[in-house]
Amino acid sequence: MTTMGERILGRSGIRVSELCLGTMMFDNEMGWRPTADQSASRKIYEAYREAGGYFVDTANMYGHSEDVLGEMIAGERDQLVLATKFTLETDPADRNTHGSHRKNLRRSVENSLRRLGTDYIDLLWVHAWDQRTPIDETVRALDDLVRSGTVHAVGISNTPAWVVSSAVTLAELRGWTPFCALQVQYSLVARTADREILPMAAANDLAVTGWSPLAMGLLAGKDVAWATDHDKGIAAAVAEIAAEVGATPSQVALAWSLHRGVMPIIGSSKPEQLADSLGAADLELPADVLARLDEVSAVALGYPHEFLTLKLDILGPL
């Protein structure tokens, strides 16, 4: 039986299970593959709930995901921490169905509430940085939703560290609701968030969730066309370590992410894939294994981090 831990969504105080269920592939008609039909989607959701999970992530532009999910959660809505997103385009014929401005925000939230069959959203994500809408306009509009009770907490995804930090500072200075969480691409083959984004999140007490924690299946042993030799080397190291510790490659990759403080979003198109991923909650990797994974997947931090490290070495301890 999986023993799933929990984390706190930043300063919101809201508890979430440390493995987040991603539902992008729940009966998705957007043309993305693979996808899970309604029967498989329900089995995935039920297996996640039976394992003790209660943090569920979707978005307004994931096809039928919100509709399918709404039917599943109808009898236990209050037991879940439900997250959805807005910002990205949902109708190419309507120029205002994308962006983080009030017009799109209001319409997106109203539609998500209807599809999900609920009157509130626990966590609303800004799906990506809208470079045409000033960040203060977005933060102020989100604050209105929180004050109305329609949304309990807000987060942001796919946005530069300096923008997020500015938004959090602005919200605190003006008494608005600050972001409590951050969603980023993060895995053993995608660690550039280590340079600026994750340190910023720690400094601002933002919880972090990671999308594509298995690198589109590469870290689970799948062949993917885009993988470089370096990526394949990381995947091979993960497979080797998995054999040593008696786990699967997926479990090793997800357990490493949890150790790094990033809650992985486990999205599956098959129930057996989810069952595999859930095993990460019970896997504790030894210190030497974690060090090996860190070393094989490390990214260059670049300027100014490497310069500062050099100067500190010259100047001596602070």
Protein backbone atom coordinates (compact mmCIF):
# COMPACT_ATOMS: atom_id res chain seq x y z
CA MET A 1 0.00 0.00 0.00
CA THR A 2 1.46 3.34 -1.05
CA THR A 3 2.20 5.78 1.75
CA MET A 4 1.92 9.17 0.10
CA GLY A 5 3.36 12.14 1.92
CA GLU A 6 2.07 15.67 1.76
CA ARG A 7 3.40 19.17 1.25
CA ILE A 8 2.12 22.70 1.86
CA LEU A 9 1.23 25.09 -0.96
CA GLY A 10 3.58 27.86 0.06
CA ARG A 11 2.05 30.37 2.45
CA SER A 12 -1.51 29.37 1.62
CA GLY A 13 -1.49 26.66 4.29
CA ILE A 14 -3.33 24.30 1.93
CA ARG A 15 -2.13 20.70 2.23
CA VAL A 16 -1.56 18.67 -0.93
CA SER A 17 -0.41 15.14 -1.62
CA GLU A 18 3.20 15.08 -2.79
CA LEU A 19 2.37 13.30 -6.03
CA CYS A 20 0.01 15.40 -8.13
CA LEU A 21 -2.29 13.67 -10.62
CA GLY A 22 -2.07 15.30 -14.03
CA THR A 23 -5.18 14.80 -16.15
CA MET A 24 -4.09 16.31 -19.46
CA MET A 25 -4.66 12.98 -21.19
CA PHE A 26 -8.15 12.36 -19.80
CA ASP A 27 -10.24 11.89 -22.97
CA ASN A 28 -8.26 14.60 -24.72
CA GLU A 29 -9.50 15.33 -28.25
CA MET A 30 -6.77 17.89 -28.98
CA GLY A 31 -4.86 15.46 -31.15
CA TRP A 32 -2.17 14.71 -28.56
CA ARG A 33 -1.12 11.11 -28.11
CA PRO A 34 -1.31 8.95 -26.15
CA THR A 35 -4.65 9.69 -24.54
CA ALA A 36 -6.88 7.84 -22.09
CA ASP A 37 -10.54 7.21 -22.91
CA GLN A 38 -13.16 7.79 -20.22
CA SER A 39 -12.95 4.22 -18.89
CA ALA A 40 -9.16 4.31 -18.54
CA SER A 41 -9.31 7.82 -17.11
CA ARG A 42 -11.68 6.71 -14.37
CA LYS A 43 -9.47 3.75 -13.47
CA ILE A 44 -6.46 6.06 -13.24
CA TYR A 45 -8.31 8.52 -11.05
CA GLU A 46 -9.67 5.82 -8.74
CA ALA A 47 -6.24 4.20 -8.36
CA TYR A 48 -4.76 7.56 -7.44
CA ARG A 49 -7.44 8.20 -4.85
CA GLU A 50 -7.07 4.71 -3.38
CA ALA A 51 -3.36 5.43 -2.94
CA GLY A 52 -4.22 8.47 -0.83
CA GLY A 53 -3.71 11.14 -3.47
CA TYR A 54 -5.91 14.23 -3.43
CA PHE A 55 -4.07 16.88 -5.49
CA VAL A 56 -5.47 16.92 -9.05
CA ASP A 57 -4.29 19.15 -11.90
CA THR A 58 -6.06 20.02 -15.15
CA ALA A 59 -6.45 23.03 -17.48
CA ASN A 60 -9.09 24.84 -19.47
CA MET A 61 -7.40 23.92 -22.76
CA TYR A 62 -6.96 20.17 -22.17
CA GLY A 63 -9.85 19.17 -24.39
CA HIS A 64 -12.50 17.23 -22.45
CA SER A 65 -10.31 16.80 -19.37
CA GLU A 66 -12.32 19.18 -17.17
CA ASP A 67 -15.64 17.65 -18.26
CA VAL A 68 -14.47 14.10 -17.58
CA LEU A 69 -12.87 15.05 -14.29
CA GLY A 70 -15.97 16.92 -13.17
CA GLU A 71 -18.04 13.75 -13.39
CA MET A 72 -15.48 11.78 -11.39
CA ILE A 73 -15.15 14.21 -8.50
CA ALA A 74 -18.85 15.03 -8.10
CA GLY A 75 -19.29 12.96 -4.94
CA GLU A 76 -16.05 13.99 -3.21
CA ARG A 77 -15.28 17.50 -4.39
CA ASP A 78 -14.42 18.91 -0.97
CA GLN A 79 -11.88 16.15 -0.31
CA LEU A 80 -9.72 17.27 -3.23
CA VAL A 81 -7.35 20.10 -3.92
CA LEU A 82 -8.38 20.88 -7.47
CA ALA A 83 -6.13 22.93 -9.73
CA THR A 84 -6.85 24.24 -13.19
CA LYS A 85 -5.28 26.82 -15.51
CA PHE A 86 -6.05 29.70 -17.83
CA THR A 87 -4.11 31.92 -20.29
CA LEU A 88 -3.38 29.70 -23.31
CA GLU A 89 -5.58 29.93 -26.39
CA THR A 90 -8.80 27.90 -26.50
CA ASP A 91 -10.38 29.34 -29.66
CA PRO A 92 -8.17 30.50 -32.56
CA ALA A 93 -11.12 32.45 -33.99
CA ASP A 94 -11.42 34.61 -30.86
CA ARG A 95 -8.36 36.73 -30.17
CA ASN A 96 -9.30 37.21 -26.51
CA THR A 97 -9.37 33.54 -25.54
CA HIS A 98 -5.71 33.74 -24.70
CA GLY A 99 -3.76 36.01 -22.41
CA SER A 100 -3.82 36.79 -18.70
CA HIS A 101 -6.10 39.81 -18.88
CA ARG A 102 -9.43 40.14 -17.06
CA LYS A 103 -11.60 39.32 -20.05
CA ASN A 104 -9.99 35.96 -20.65
CA LEU A 105 -9.61 35.27 -16.92
CA ARG A 106 -13.28 35.74 -16.14
CA ARG A 107 -14.53 33.73 -19.09
CA SER A 108 -12.00 30.94 -18.51
CA VAL A 109 -12.88 30.56 -14.84
CA GLU A 110 -16.63 30.62 -15.49
CA ASN A 111 -16.26 27.89 -18.13
CA SER A 112 -13.96 25.80 -15.93
CA LEU A 113 -16.40 25.97 -13.03
CA ARG A 114 -19.21 24.80 -15.31
CA ARG A 115 -17.21 21.93 -16.80
CA LEU A 116 -15.85 20.79 -13.45
CA GLY A 117 -19.27 20.99 -11.81
CA THR A 118 -18.04 23.05 -8.87
CA ASP A 119 -18.42 26.56 -7.50
CA TYR A 120 -14.81 27.06 -6.47
CA ILE A 121 -11.27 26.30 -7.61
CA ASP A 122 -8.64 25.48 -5.00
CA LEU A 123 -5.62 26.53 -7.06
CA LEU A 124 -5.77 28.58 -10.24
CA TRP A 125 -2.60 28.61 -12.34
CA VAL A 126 -1.52 31.28 -14.77
CA HIS A 127 -0.55 28.79 -17.48
CA ALA A 128 2.24 30.86 -19.01
CA TRP A 129 3.64 34.38 -18.98
CA ASP A 130 1.51 36.72 -21.07
CA GLN A 131 4.04 39.30 -22.21
CA ARG A 132 1.30 41.68 -23.43
CA THR A 133 -0.58 42.02 -20.14
CA PRO A 134 1.24 43.81 -17.30
CA ILE A 135 1.82 41.42 -14.43
CA ASP A 136 0.23 43.83 -11.94
CA GLU A 137 -3.02 43.73 -13.94
CA THR A 138 -3.02 39.92 -13.75
CA VAL A 139 -2.20 39.77 -10.04
CA ARG A 140 -4.88 42.35 -9.22
CA ALA A 141 -7.50 40.46 -11.22
CA LEU A 142 -6.57 37.19 -9.51
CA ASP A 143 -6.88 38.88 -6.13
CA ASP A 144 -10.50 39.76 -6.94
CA LEU A 145 -11.26 36.08 -7.52
CA VAL A 146 -9.67 35.05 -4.23
CA ARG A 147 -11.54 37.74 -2.30
CA SER A 148 -14.82 36.60 -3.88
CA GLY A 149 -14.22 33.01 -2.75
CA THR A 150 -14.25 31.67 -6.31
CA VAL A 151 -10.56 30.78 -6.07
CA HIS A 152 -8.70 29.81 -2.90
CA ALA A 153 -5.08 30.21 -4.03
CA VAL A 154 -3.14 31.23 -7.12
CA GLY A 155 0.00 29.97 -8.81
CA ILE A 156 1.98 30.59 -11.97
CA SER A 157 3.68 28.36 -14.54
CA ASN A 158 6.16 28.68 -17.38
CA THR A 159 7.33 32.17 -16.41
CA PRO A 160 10.79 33.72 -15.87
CA ALA A 161 12.02 33.95 -12.29
CA TRP A 162 12.27 37.75 -12.37
CA VAL A 163 8.62 38.09 -13.40
CA VAL A 164 7.39 35.76 -10.66
CA SER A 165 9.53 37.45 -8.02
CA SER A 166 8.31 40.88 -9.08
CA ALA A 167 4.69 39.71 -8.94
CA VAL A 168 5.06 38.25 -5.45
CA THR A 169 6.75 41.39 -4.14
CA LEU A 170 4.12 43.63 -5.73
CA ALA A 171 1.28 41.60 -4.24
CA GLU A 172 2.78 41.73 -0.77
CA LEU A 173 3.37 45.48 -0.94
CA ARG A 174 -0.16 46.21 -2.10
CA GLY A 175 -1.98 43.70 0.08
CA TRP A 176 -3.04 41.47 -2.83
CA THR A 177 -3.01 37.69 -2.88
CA PRO A 178 0.51 36.53 -3.81
CA PHE A 179 1.33 33.41 -5.77
CA CYS A 180 1.81 30.43 -3.46
CA ALA A 181 2.99 27.90 -6.03
CA LEU A 182 5.03 27.51 -9.18
CA GLN A 183 4.77 24.91 -11.94
CA VAL A 184 7.81 24.24 -14.11
CA GLN A 185 9.23 21.68 -16.46
CA TYR A 186 11.55 19.61 -14.30
CA SER A 187 13.19 16.22 -14.60
CA LEU A 188 16.62 14.63 -14.64
CA VAL A 189 16.97 15.72 -18.28
CA ALA A 190 15.43 19.18 -17.80
CA ARG A 191 17.16 20.93 -14.91
CA THR A 192 17.67 24.48 -16.15
CA ALA A 193 15.17 25.61 -13.49
CA ASP A 194 18.01 24.98 -11.01
CA ARG A 195 19.71 28.18 -12.22
CA GLU A 196 17.19 30.86 -11.27
CA ILE A 197 13.65 29.54 -10.89
CA LEU A 198 14.02 27.08 -8.02
CA PRO A 199 16.20 29.37 -5.86
CA MET A 200 13.65 32.14 -6.44
CA ALA A 201 10.82 29.82 -5.43
CA ALA A 202 12.62 28.86 -2.21
CA ALA A 203 13.31 32.50 -1.37
CA ASN A 204 9.63 33.40 -1.85
CA ASP A 205 8.25 30.27 -0.14
CA LEU A 206 6.57 28.97 -3.29
CA ALA A 207 5.63 25.31 -3.53
CA VAL A 208 6.88 23.78 -6.79
CA THR A 209 5.27 21.19 -9.03
CA GLY A 210 7.06 19.71 -12.02
CA TRP A 211 5.50 18.80 -15.34
CA SER A 212 6.92 16.05 -17.57
CA PRO A 213 8.95 14.53 -14.68
CA LEU A 214 9.65 11.45 -16.82
CA ALA A 215 10.68 13.52 -19.84
CA MET A 216 7.83 12.28 -22.05
CA GLY A 217 8.63 8.70 -21.12
CA LEU A 218 12.38 8.79 -21.77
CA LEU A 219 13.16 8.22 -18.07
CA ALA A 220 10.68 5.34 -18.00
CA GLY A 221 12.61 3.51 -20.71
CA LYS A 222 10.76 4.79 -23.77
CA ASP A 223 12.59 5.66 -26.98
CA VAL A 224 11.94 9.27 -27.98
CA ALA A 225 13.12 10.87 -31.18
CA TRP A 226 14.26 14.15 -29.63
CA ALA A 227 16.65 12.65 -27.04
CA THR A 228 20.30 13.65 -27.33
CA ASP A 229 23.18 11.32 -26.47
CA HIS A 230 23.45 13.18 -23.16
CA ASP A 231 19.76 12.60 -22.45
CA LYS A 232 20.10 8.93 -23.29
CA GLY A 233 23.08 8.68 -20.97
CA ILE A 234 21.00 10.04 -18.10
CA ALA A 235 18.20 7.58 -18.89
CA ALA A 236 20.71 4.71 -18.95
CA ALA A 237 22.05 5.76 -15.53
CA VAL A 238 18.51 5.84 -14.15
CA ALA A 239 17.83 2.34 -15.48
CA GLU A 240 21.08 1.06 -13.98
CA ILE A 241 20.29 2.54 -10.59
CA ALA A 242 16.74 1.19 -10.72
CA ALA A 243 18.08 -2.33 -11.13
CA GLU A 244 20.44 -1.81 -8.20
CA VAL A 245 17.77 -0.55 -5.77
CA GLY A 246 15.01 -2.90 -6.87
CA ALA A 247 12.72 -0.26 -8.33
CA THR A 248 11.59 0.83 -11.77
CA PRO A 249 13.24 3.68 -13.70
CA SER A 250 10.06 5.76 -13.35
CA GLN A 251 10.09 5.37 -9.59
CA VAL A 252 13.74 6.39 -9.36
CA ALA A 253 13.21 9.50 -11.48
CA LEU A 254 10.15 10.58 -9.50
CA ALA A 255 11.74 9.86 -6.12
CA TRP A 256 14.71 12.01 -7.14
CA SER A 257 12.33 14.88 -7.99
CA LEU A 258 10.64 14.60 -4.60
CA HIS A 259 14.04 14.72 -2.91
CA ARG A 260 14.80 17.93 -4.83
CA GLY A 261 11.66 19.50 -3.38
CA VAL A 262 9.66 19.40 -6.61
CA MET A 263 6.29 17.61 -6.53
CA PRO A 264 6.03 15.63 -9.77
CA ILE A 265 2.84 15.77 -11.80
CA ILE A 266 2.20 12.16 -12.75
CA GLY A 267 0.17 12.03 -15.93
CA SER A 268 -0.72 8.62 -17.32
CA SER A 269 -2.65 7.23 -20.26
CA LYS A 270 -2.81 3.71 -18.78
CA PRO A 271 -3.67 2.52 -15.24
CA GLU A 272 -0.53 0.39 -15.08
CA GLN A 273 1.63 3.44 -15.76
CA LEU A 274 0.04 5.23 -12.82
CA ALA A 275 0.55 2.21 -10.56
CA ASP A 276 4.24 2.26 -11.45
CA SER A 277 4.56 5.98 -10.71
CA LEU A 278 2.77 5.70 -7.37
CA GLY A 279 5.54 3.41 -6.16
CA ALA A 280 7.85 6.42 -6.00
CA ALA A 281 6.10 7.58 -2.83
CA ASP A 282 7.58 4.62 -0.93
CA LEU A 283 11.05 4.76 -2.47
CA GLU A 284 13.84 6.33 -0.42
CA LEU A 285 17.02 6.66 -2.44
CA PRO A 286 20.37 6.34 -0.60
CA ALA A 287 22.60 9.41 -0.41
CA ASP A 288 25.19 7.95 -2.77
CA VAL A 289 22.51 7.19 -5.37
CA LEU A 290 21.15 10.72 -5.15
CA ALA A 291 24.67 12.05 -5.61
CA ARG A 292 25.14 9.93 -8.73
CA LEU A 293 21.88 11.16 -10.21
CA ASP A 294 22.74 14.76 -9.40
CA GLU A 295 26.14 14.42 -11.03
CA VAL A 296 25.03 12.73 -14.25
CA SER A 297 22.19 15.22 -14.80
CA ALA A 298 23.81 18.45 -13.60
CA VAL A 299 23.51 21.58 -15.73
CA ALA A 300 25.99 24.44 -15.86
CA LEU A 301 24.67 27.28 -13.71
CA GLY A 302 26.39 29.93 -15.81
CA TYR A 303 26.92 33.57 -14.97
CA PRO A 304 26.69 35.06 -12.36
CA HIS A 305 26.54 31.90 -10.24
CA GLU A 306 29.86 30.43 -11.34
CA PHE A 307 31.55 33.84 -11.06
CA LEU A 308 30.21 34.32 -7.54
CA THR A 309 31.36 30.86 -6.51
CA LEU A 310 34.83 31.66 -7.83
CA LYS A 311 34.99 34.99 -6.03
CA LEU A 312 33.82 33.45 -2.77
CA ASP A 313 36.58 30.88 -3.04
CA ILE A 314 39.10 33.69 -3.48
CA LEU A 315 37.74 35.86 -0.70
CA GLY A 316 37.29 33.06 1.77
CA PRO A 317 34.27 32.18 3.90
CA LEU A 318 31.64 34.82 4.60
